[in-house]
């Protein structure tokens, strides 16, 4: 089978998250198949503040990047950002598989336990995650969302020293334990940055509940999606949420990026 090329969309740019990107590239290289190549791309201005308005700004750029990735010959596109803003729109605009960190993590967690819980980095993301869970039809399976208190840029400090890492780990466990006590049996860090931070921990858990790293999960799902498409032609539905717009609508989207 031919090599697989995947475009991985980070919502941090290299200028503001060089350490994260360096760790991410190493992690991706360690988990992909030998014939898979992953390129990380960023967004500028990066996602520096936890708010839906920032999510929607970044979503527009991500969708444009997905269209560009398809035109440049990539086999799949990954939204490497847990909030998944713009996911459905990106899927409607391209024919290559589009996978997303949040959706992939939540779906896979359903195979590991009956009730999953998310610990996000900032309380302002809690309403967003509840909407996201409902959109995916998982309210009975993803039953709780708690939060630490970081801005997206601040939690990057966890890569700079073991002391900062241990503090993030402690704050995560502090928010996770009440979820486990309420019946959650799988824990999901609500973001690619904490997932990558915790990737160094083997069999990471809180009170017996595993903490999943969605990065290798979404990458392996992307590889599988490409292979299944090549083998069987399997594709997303074009009857509803992912109905493809006419080419002129996509071109209009690509050539008129400014709202004003």
Protein backbone atom coordinates (compact mmCIF):
# COMPACT_ATOMS: atom_id res chain seq x y z
CA UNK A 1 0.00 0.00 0.00
CA UNK A 2 1.22 3.50 -0.83
CA UNK A 3 2.63 5.76 1.91
CA UNK A 4 0.15 7.89 3.86
CA UNK A 5 0.50 11.67 4.21
CA UNK A 6 -1.38 13.30 7.09
CA UNK A 7 -1.69 17.02 7.84
CA UNK A 8 -1.97 17.64 11.61
CA UNK A 9 -3.51 20.99 12.55
CA UNK A 10 -2.22 22.42 15.82
CA UNK A 11 -3.94 25.51 17.21
CA UNK A 12 -0.58 26.74 18.52
CA UNK A 13 1.98 28.20 16.12
CA UNK A 14 5.68 27.34 16.30
CA UNK A 15 6.69 30.84 17.39
CA UNK A 16 4.60 30.60 20.57
CA UNK A 17 4.81 26.87 21.17
CA UNK A 18 8.16 25.64 19.89
CA UNK A 19 8.73 23.25 22.80
CA UNK A 20 5.25 21.77 22.36
CA UNK A 21 5.74 21.36 18.62
CA UNK A 22 9.11 19.68 19.11
CA UNK A 23 7.62 17.23 21.62
CA UNK A 24 4.57 16.69 19.40
CA UNK A 25 6.65 15.89 16.34
CA UNK A 26 8.70 13.37 18.33
CA UNK A 27 5.55 11.77 19.72
CA UNK A 28 3.89 11.54 16.31
CA UNK A 29 7.01 10.00 14.78
CA UNK A 30 6.97 7.36 17.52
CA UNK A 31 3.33 6.30 17.04
CA UNK A 32 2.76 6.32 13.25
CA UNK A 33 3.29 3.40 10.92
CA UNK A 34 6.62 3.25 9.12
CA UNK A 35 5.07 4.41 5.84
CA UNK A 36 3.09 7.31 7.36
CA UNK A 37 4.33 10.90 7.30
CA UNK A 38 2.69 13.58 9.45
CA UNK A 39 3.24 17.30 8.97
CA UNK A 40 2.26 19.66 11.80
CA UNK A 41 0.88 23.06 10.84
CA UNK A 42 -0.20 25.93 13.10
CA UNK A 43 -2.58 28.87 13.34
CA UNK A 44 -1.51 32.50 13.73
CA UNK A 45 -2.65 34.25 15.88
CA UNK A 46 -2.67 31.07 17.94
CA UNK A 47 -5.44 29.98 20.32
CA UNK A 48 -4.24 31.91 23.37
CA UNK A 49 -7.50 32.54 25.24
CA UNK A 50 -10.24 30.08 26.21
CA UNK A 51 -13.35 31.53 24.57
CA UNK A 52 -15.81 30.44 21.83
CA UNK A 53 -15.00 33.52 19.74
CA UNK A 54 -11.36 32.40 19.51
CA UNK A 55 -12.53 28.88 18.64
CA UNK A 56 -14.61 30.15 15.73
CA UNK A 57 -11.77 32.35 14.44
CA UNK A 58 -9.42 29.39 14.50
CA UNK A 59 -12.08 27.11 12.98
CA UNK A 60 -12.26 29.22 9.85
CA UNK A 61 -8.52 29.00 9.32
CA UNK A 62 -8.55 25.27 10.04
CA UNK A 63 -11.23 24.65 7.39
CA UNK A 64 -9.19 26.60 4.82
CA UNK A 65 -6.13 24.55 5.77
CA UNK A 66 -8.08 21.30 5.30
CA UNK A 67 -9.09 22.38 1.79
CA UNK A 68 -5.49 23.34 1.02
CA UNK A 69 -4.19 20.04 2.41
CA UNK A 70 -6.48 18.08 0.10
CA UNK A 71 -5.33 20.17 -2.87
CA UNK A 72 -1.71 19.51 -1.92
CA UNK A 73 -2.21 15.76 -1.98
CA UNK A 74 -2.53 14.85 1.70
CA UNK A 75 -4.46 11.66 2.40
CA UNK A 76 -6.05 12.80 5.68
CA UNK A 77 -6.42 15.86 7.86
CA UNK A 78 -6.39 15.87 11.68
CA UNK A 79 -7.89 18.61 13.83
CA UNK A 80 -5.38 18.37 16.69
CA UNK A 81 -7.47 20.51 19.01
CA UNK A 82 -9.94 19.02 21.48
CA UNK A 83 -12.71 21.57 20.92
CA UNK A 84 -13.12 20.38 17.28
CA UNK A 85 -14.57 23.73 16.17
CA UNK A 86 -15.35 23.60 12.44
CA UNK A 87 -15.08 19.79 12.21
CA UNK A 88 -18.39 19.20 10.41
CA UNK A 89 -17.79 22.10 8.03
CA UNK A 90 -14.31 20.79 7.17
CA UNK A 91 -15.72 17.33 6.46
CA UNK A 92 -18.31 18.86 4.16
CA UNK A 93 -15.65 20.74 2.19
CA UNK A 94 -13.14 17.97 1.39
CA UNK A 95 -13.13 14.35 0.26
CA UNK A 96 -10.14 13.23 2.32
CA UNK A 97 -10.87 11.87 5.82
CA UNK A 98 -11.01 14.55 8.54
CA UNK A 99 -10.46 13.28 12.07
CA UNK A 100 -10.61 15.33 15.26
CA UNK A 101 -8.92 14.98 18.62
CA UNK A 102 -12.00 15.55 20.78
CA UNK A 103 -14.38 13.31 18.87
CA UNK A 104 -11.82 10.51 18.47
CA UNK A 105 -10.92 10.61 22.18
CA UNK A 106 -14.54 10.48 23.31
CA UNK A 107 -15.48 7.68 20.92
CA UNK A 108 -12.50 5.53 21.88
CA UNK A 109 -13.08 6.11 25.59
CA UNK A 110 -16.44 4.35 25.16
CA UNK A 111 -14.51 1.13 24.48
CA UNK A 112 -12.55 1.44 27.74
CA UNK A 113 -15.34 2.13 30.21
CA UNK A 114 -19.01 2.95 30.58
CA UNK A 115 -18.69 6.55 31.76
CA UNK A 116 -15.99 8.99 30.71
CA UNK A 117 -15.15 12.37 32.20
CA UNK A 118 -13.22 15.31 30.80
CA UNK A 119 -10.82 17.52 32.75
CA UNK A 120 -10.26 20.64 30.67
CA UNK A 121 -7.71 23.39 31.16
CA UNK A 122 -10.09 26.28 31.83
CA UNK A 123 -13.66 26.63 33.19
CA UNK A 124 -14.66 28.74 30.19
CA UNK A 125 -14.44 25.59 28.06
CA UNK A 126 -17.00 23.68 30.16
CA UNK A 127 -20.13 24.90 28.30
CA UNK A 128 -18.41 24.27 24.95
CA UNK A 129 -17.60 20.69 25.93
CA UNK A 130 -21.17 20.00 27.05
CA UNK A 131 -22.42 21.22 23.65
CA UNK A 132 -19.76 19.08 21.97
CA UNK A 133 -20.76 15.97 23.94
CA UNK A 134 -24.40 16.50 22.98
CA UNK A 135 -23.53 17.02 19.32
CA UNK A 136 -21.78 13.64 19.30
CA UNK A 137 -24.74 11.93 20.99
CA UNK A 138 -22.64 10.92 24.01
CA UNK A 139 -24.45 12.47 26.99
CA UNK A 140 -24.98 9.03 28.56
CA UNK A 141 -21.34 8.03 28.07
CA UNK A 142 -19.38 11.26 28.72
CA UNK A 143 -21.01 12.28 31.95
CA UNK A 144 -18.86 14.96 33.57
CA UNK A 145 -16.62 17.92 32.77
CA UNK A 146 -14.33 19.53 35.34
CA UNK A 147 -11.66 22.18 34.81
CA UNK A 148 -8.27 23.34 35.94
CA UNK A 149 -7.45 27.05 35.51
CA UNK A 150 -4.95 27.66 32.72
CA UNK A 151 -5.01 29.66 29.53
CA UNK A 152 -3.88 27.62 26.49
CA UNK A 153 -0.50 29.37 26.40
CA UNK A 154 0.15 29.03 30.13
CA UNK A 155 -0.11 25.26 30.30
CA UNK A 156 2.79 25.06 27.84
CA UNK A 157 5.02 25.78 30.84
CA UNK A 158 4.51 22.15 31.82
CA UNK A 159 7.07 21.21 29.16
CA UNK A 160 9.75 23.52 30.54
CA UNK A 161 10.44 21.89 33.92
CA UNK A 162 9.51 18.84 35.98
CA UNK A 163 8.20 21.13 38.71
CA UNK A 164 5.69 22.71 36.32
CA UNK A 165 4.73 19.29 34.99
CA UNK A 166 4.10 17.91 38.49
CA UNK A 167 1.89 20.92 39.25
CA UNK A 168 -0.25 20.28 36.16
CA UNK A 169 -0.44 16.61 37.11
CA UNK A 170 -1.53 17.50 40.66
CA UNK A 171 -4.19 19.96 39.51
CA UNK A 172 -5.53 17.43 37.00
CA UNK A 173 -5.84 14.75 39.69
CA UNK A 174 -7.52 17.25 42.00
CA UNK A 175 -10.29 17.77 39.43
CA UNK A 176 -10.42 14.12 38.33
CA UNK A 177 -10.97 12.47 41.72
CA UNK A 178 -14.51 13.83 42.23
CA UNK A 179 -15.44 12.55 38.76
CA UNK A 180 -14.16 9.07 39.59
CA UNK A 181 -16.03 9.16 42.90
CA UNK A 182 -19.23 9.92 40.92
CA UNK A 183 -18.79 6.85 38.72
CA UNK A 184 -16.52 8.02 35.87
CA UNK A 185 -14.20 5.16 34.89
CA UNK A 186 -12.21 6.77 32.04
CA UNK A 187 -10.58 10.20 32.19
CA UNK A 188 -9.91 12.42 29.17
CA UNK A 189 -7.58 15.44 29.34
CA UNK A 190 -9.48 18.16 27.50
CA UNK A 191 -6.71 19.32 25.18
CA UNK A 192 -3.78 18.21 23.08
CA UNK A 193 -1.30 20.00 25.32
CA UNK A 194 -2.18 18.14 28.57
CA UNK A 195 -2.47 14.89 26.60
CA UNK A 196 1.06 15.33 25.30
CA UNK A 197 2.32 16.36 28.72
CA UNK A 198 0.95 13.17 30.26
CA UNK A 199 2.25 10.98 27.42
CA UNK A 200 5.44 10.47 29.45
CA UNK A 201 3.42 8.66 32.13
CA UNK A 202 3.01 4.90 31.60
CA UNK A 203 -0.37 3.48 32.69
CA UNK A 204 -1.38 6.93 33.93
CA UNK A 205 -4.53 6.79 36.04
CA UNK A 206 -6.37 8.46 38.90
CA UNK A 207 -7.76 6.04 41.49
CA UNK A 208 -7.81 3.27 38.90
CA UNK A 209 -9.46 5.25 36.10
CA UNK A 210 -7.18 5.36 33.04
CA UNK A 211 -6.20 8.74 31.59
CA UNK A 212 -6.19 8.44 27.82
CA UNK A 213 -3.88 10.14 25.36
CA UNK A 214 -6.00 10.99 22.33
CA UNK A 215 -3.09 11.94 20.07
CA UNK A 216 -2.07 8.38 19.05
CA UNK A 217 -5.77 7.47 19.00
CA UNK A 218 -6.69 10.11 16.43
CA UNK A 219 -3.56 9.40 14.36
CA UNK A 220 -4.32 5.67 14.23
CA UNK A 221 -7.94 6.45 13.33
CA UNK A 222 -6.67 8.63 10.49
CA UNK A 223 -4.39 5.87 9.22
CA UNK A 224 -7.28 3.41 9.40
CA UNK A 225 -9.64 5.81 7.59
CA UNK A 226 -7.16 6.19 4.72
CA UNK A 227 -6.60 2.43 4.48
CA UNK A 228 -10.32 1.64 4.56
CA UNK A 229 -11.00 4.23 1.88
CA UNK A 230 -8.32 2.71 -0.33
CA UNK A 231 -9.60 -0.82 0.29
CA UNK A 232 -13.34 -0.24 0.13
CA UNK A 233 -14.04 3.33 -0.97
CA UNK A 234 -15.65 4.09 2.39
CA UNK A 235 -16.47 7.78 2.71
CA UNK A 236 -18.46 10.13 4.93
CA UNK A 237 -22.16 10.51 4.18
CA UNK A 238 -23.13 13.34 1.85
CA UNK A 239 -26.83 13.29 2.79
CA UNK A 240 -26.97 15.56 5.84
CA UNK A 241 -24.38 17.26 8.05
CA UNK A 242 -21.55 16.60 5.59
CA UNK A 243 -23.40 17.53 2.38
CA UNK A 244 -20.80 18.93 0.01
CA UNK A 245 -21.32 22.53 -1.22
CA UNK A 246 -20.88 23.46 -4.89
CA UNK A 247 -17.28 24.23 -5.98
CA UNK A 248 -18.05 27.94 -6.34
CA UNK A 249 -19.11 28.11 -2.68
CA UNK A 250 -15.80 26.56 -1.60
CA UNK A 251 -13.90 29.01 -3.81
CA UNK A 252 -15.84 31.92 -2.32
CA UNK A 253 -14.92 30.69 1.15
CA UNK A 254 -11.25 30.47 0.19
CA UNK A 255 -11.03 33.83 -1.55
CA UNK A 256 -13.08 35.99 0.85
CA UNK A 257 -11.47 35.41 4.25
CA UNK A 258 -12.42 38.73 5.87
CA UNK A 259 -15.77 39.41 7.45
CA UNK A 260 -15.46 43.16 6.96
